Structure formats: structure tokens, C-alpha cells
Amino acid sequence: MIPKLLAAGLALILSLSLAGCGYQGWVRYPCQEHENWENPECQKPQCKVTGTCTEDVIGDGLKE
């Protein structure tokens, strides 16, 4: 009985601690965000040097 209760308590603690790890709006590259697509660092040729052009970081799913 005690091992089952201990396991359930541990599972509850772990699930509650992982619930705080949600998405907070952070992206790896600024050019992934729609509002930055017109910025100079997201336009060619500047973005080609770093590989952070919008079509590079979003992929084939981009529809213009």
C-alpha cells in the first residue's frame, strides 16, 4: 500500500512540476516570427550568411 501511495505522490509532484514548462512565446530565430519578416536581418542577402532567412527557418510550409 505504501509503495503505491509513494509512487502516486511522486507522479503527482512530477506532473505538476512539468506543467510549469509551457510555451512562453520564445522562438529560436527572430525571422520565424511574422512581425519580423520585413526586418533587414530577415531579408536577403543579409540572412543568407547566417542561414536565418524566413524560408530557411520555417521550411516548405511557408505560403506567401
N, C-alpha and C. Protein backbone atom coordinates (compact mmCIF):
# COMPACT_ATOMS: atom_id res chain seq x y z
N MET A 1 0.82 -1.20 0.00
CA MET A 1 0.00 0.00 0.00
C MET A 1 0.86 1.26 0.00
N ILE A 2 1.89 1.28 0.85
CA ILE A 2 2.74 2.47 0.95
C ILE A 2 3.53 2.70 -0.34
N PRO A 3 4.10 1.66 -1.00
CA PRO A 3 4.80 1.91 -2.26
C PRO A 3 3.89 2.49 -3.34
N LYS A 4 2.64 2.03 -3.38
CA LYS A 4 1.70 2.57 -4.37
C LYS A 4 1.38 4.02 -4.07
N LEU A 5 1.19 4.36 -2.81
CA LEU A 5 0.91 5.73 -2.40
C LEU A 5 2.11 6.63 -2.68
N LEU A 6 3.31 6.11 -2.41
CA LEU A 6 4.53 6.86 -2.68
C LEU A 6 4.70 7.10 -4.18
N ALA A 7 4.42 6.10 -5.00
CA ALA A 7 4.52 6.23 -6.45
C ALA A 7 3.50 7.24 -6.98
N ALA A 8 2.29 7.20 -6.44
CA ALA A 8 1.26 8.14 -6.87
C ALA A 8 1.64 9.57 -6.49
N GLY A 9 2.16 9.74 -5.30
CA GLY A 9 2.59 11.07 -4.86
C GLY A 9 3.73 11.59 -5.70
N LEU A 10 4.68 10.74 -6.02
CA LEU A 10 5.81 11.14 -6.87
C LEU A 10 5.33 11.49 -8.27
N ALA A 11 4.40 10.72 -8.81
CA ALA A 11 3.85 11.01 -10.14
C ALA A 11 3.13 12.36 -10.14
N LEU A 12 2.41 12.64 -9.07
CA LEU A 12 1.71 13.92 -8.98
C LEU A 12 2.69 15.08 -8.90
N ILE A 13 3.71 14.94 -8.11
CA ILE A 13 4.72 16.00 -7.99
C ILE A 13 5.42 16.23 -9.32
N LEU A 14 5.80 15.16 -10.01
CA LEU A 14 6.47 15.30 -11.31
C LEU A 14 5.56 15.94 -12.34
N SER A 15 4.30 15.56 -12.39
CA SER A 15 3.39 16.13 -13.38
C SER A 15 3.12 17.60 -13.11
N LEU A 16 3.04 17.98 -11.85
CA LEU A 16 2.85 19.40 -11.52
C LEU A 16 4.08 20.22 -11.83
N SER A 17 5.25 19.66 -11.62
CA SER A 17 6.47 20.41 -11.92
C SER A 17 6.66 20.57 -13.43
N LEU A 18 6.29 19.57 -14.20
CA LEU A 18 6.41 19.68 -15.66
C LEU A 18 5.34 20.57 -16.26
N ALA A 19 4.24 20.79 -15.56
CA ALA A 19 3.18 21.66 -16.08
C ALA A 19 3.66 23.10 -16.17
N GLY A 20 4.65 23.47 -15.40
CA GLY A 20 5.18 24.83 -15.44
C GLY A 20 6.15 25.06 -16.58
N CYS A 21 6.42 24.05 -17.40
CA CYS A 21 7.37 24.17 -18.50
C CYS A 21 6.66 24.44 -19.82
N GLY A 22 5.66 25.27 -19.82
CA GLY A 22 4.87 25.51 -21.02
C GLY A 22 5.53 26.46 -22.00
N TYR A 23 4.90 26.60 -23.16
CA TYR A 23 5.37 27.50 -24.20
C TYR A 23 5.16 28.95 -23.77
N GLN A 24 6.22 29.75 -23.91
CA GLN A 24 6.16 31.14 -23.48
C GLN A 24 6.36 32.12 -24.62
N GLY A 25 6.20 31.68 -25.85
CA GLY A 25 6.31 32.57 -26.98
C GLY A 25 7.72 32.75 -27.50
N TRP A 26 8.66 31.97 -27.02
CA TRP A 26 10.05 32.10 -27.43
C TRP A 26 10.28 31.33 -28.72
N VAL A 27 11.04 31.93 -29.63
CA VAL A 27 11.43 31.23 -30.85
C VAL A 27 12.95 31.28 -30.96
N ARG A 28 13.51 30.35 -31.68
CA ARG A 28 14.97 30.28 -31.78
C ARG A 28 15.52 31.39 -32.65
N TYR A 29 14.85 31.69 -33.76
CA TYR A 29 15.32 32.72 -34.69
C TYR A 29 14.27 33.82 -34.81
N PRO A 30 14.68 35.08 -34.79
CA PRO A 30 13.72 36.18 -34.91
C PRO A 30 12.93 36.13 -36.22
N CYS A 31 13.52 35.59 -37.27
CA CYS A 31 12.85 35.55 -38.57
C CYS A 31 11.73 34.52 -38.63
N GLN A 32 11.53 33.74 -37.56
CA GLN A 32 10.40 32.81 -37.51
C GLN A 32 9.10 33.54 -37.18
N GLU A 33 9.19 34.71 -36.59
CA GLU A 33 8.00 35.46 -36.21
C GLU A 33 7.55 36.35 -37.37
N HIS A 34 6.26 36.30 -37.65
CA HIS A 34 5.69 37.01 -38.79
C HIS A 34 5.99 38.50 -38.75
N GLU A 35 5.96 39.11 -37.57
CA GLU A 35 6.18 40.56 -37.48
C GLU A 35 7.61 40.96 -37.81
N ASN A 36 8.55 40.02 -37.87
CA ASN A 36 9.94 40.34 -38.19
C ASN A 36 10.31 40.06 -39.64
N TRP A 37 9.41 39.54 -40.43
CA TRP A 37 9.74 39.13 -41.78
C TRP A 37 10.24 40.28 -42.66
N GLU A 38 9.82 41.50 -42.38
CA GLU A 38 10.24 42.64 -43.20
C GLU A 38 11.50 43.31 -42.68
N ASN A 39 12.03 42.89 -41.55
CA ASN A 39 13.25 43.47 -40.99
C ASN A 39 14.44 43.16 -41.88
N PRO A 40 15.44 44.07 -41.92
CA PRO A 40 16.61 43.86 -42.80
C PRO A 40 17.35 42.55 -42.50
N GLU A 41 17.42 42.14 -41.23
CA GLU A 41 18.14 40.90 -40.93
C GLU A 41 17.41 39.66 -41.41
N CYS A 42 16.16 39.79 -41.83
CA CYS A 42 15.39 38.67 -42.36
C CYS A 42 15.29 38.73 -43.89
N GLN A 43 15.96 39.68 -44.50
CA GLN A 43 15.92 39.83 -45.95
C GLN A 43 17.26 39.40 -46.55
N LYS A 44 17.22 38.91 -47.77
CA LYS A 44 18.44 38.53 -48.48
C LYS A 44 19.18 39.80 -48.89
N PRO A 45 20.45 39.85 -48.92
CA PRO A 45 21.46 38.81 -48.73
C PRO A 45 21.91 38.67 -47.28
N GLN A 46 21.48 39.54 -46.39
CA GLN A 46 21.95 39.51 -45.01
C GLN A 46 21.60 38.20 -44.30
N CYS A 47 20.41 37.68 -44.52
CA CYS A 47 20.01 36.46 -43.81
C CYS A 47 20.64 35.21 -44.41
N LYS A 48 21.08 35.26 -45.65
CA LYS A 48 21.69 34.09 -46.28
C LYS A 48 23.01 33.72 -45.62
N VAL A 49 23.73 34.74 -45.11
CA VAL A 49 25.02 34.49 -44.48
C VAL A 49 24.85 33.64 -43.22
N THR A 50 23.84 33.94 -42.45
CA THR A 50 23.62 33.21 -41.20
C THR A 50 22.65 32.04 -41.36
N GLY A 51 21.98 31.94 -42.50
CA GLY A 51 21.02 30.85 -42.73
C GLY A 51 19.72 31.04 -41.98
N THR A 52 19.36 32.30 -41.69
CA THR A 52 18.14 32.57 -40.92
C THR A 52 17.06 33.24 -41.74
N CYS A 53 17.10 33.10 -43.06
CA CYS A 53 16.02 33.63 -43.88
C CYS A 53 14.72 32.91 -43.51
N THR A 54 13.61 33.58 -43.72
CA THR A 54 12.32 33.03 -43.34
C THR A 54 12.09 31.66 -43.96
N GLU A 55 12.40 31.51 -45.24
CA GLU A 55 12.17 30.22 -45.89
C GLU A 55 13.13 29.14 -45.37
N ASP A 56 14.27 29.55 -44.80
CA ASP A 56 15.20 28.57 -44.22
C ASP A 56 14.72 28.06 -42.86
N VAL A 57 14.22 28.95 -42.02
CA VAL A 57 13.85 28.55 -40.66
C VAL A 57 12.43 28.01 -40.55
N ILE A 58 11.56 28.34 -41.50
CA ILE A 58 10.18 27.83 -41.46
C ILE A 58 10.05 26.58 -42.33
N GLY A 59 10.70 26.57 -43.47
CA GLY A 59 10.67 25.40 -44.34
C GLY A 59 9.64 25.52 -45.45
N ASP A 60 9.22 24.38 -45.96
CA ASP A 60 8.33 24.33 -47.12
C ASP A 60 6.90 24.72 -46.78
N GLY A 61 6.55 24.84 -45.53
CA GLY A 61 5.19 25.16 -45.13
C GLY A 61 4.84 26.63 -45.30
N LEU A 62 5.80 27.46 -45.73
CA LEU A 62 5.58 28.89 -45.88
C LEU A 62 4.79 29.18 -47.15
N LYS A 63 3.70 29.89 -47.01
CA LYS A 63 2.90 30.31 -48.16
C LYS A 63 2.94 31.82 -48.22
N GLU A 64 3.35 32.33 -49.37
CA GLU A 64 3.45 33.79 -49.50
C GLU A 64 2.22 34.38 -50.10
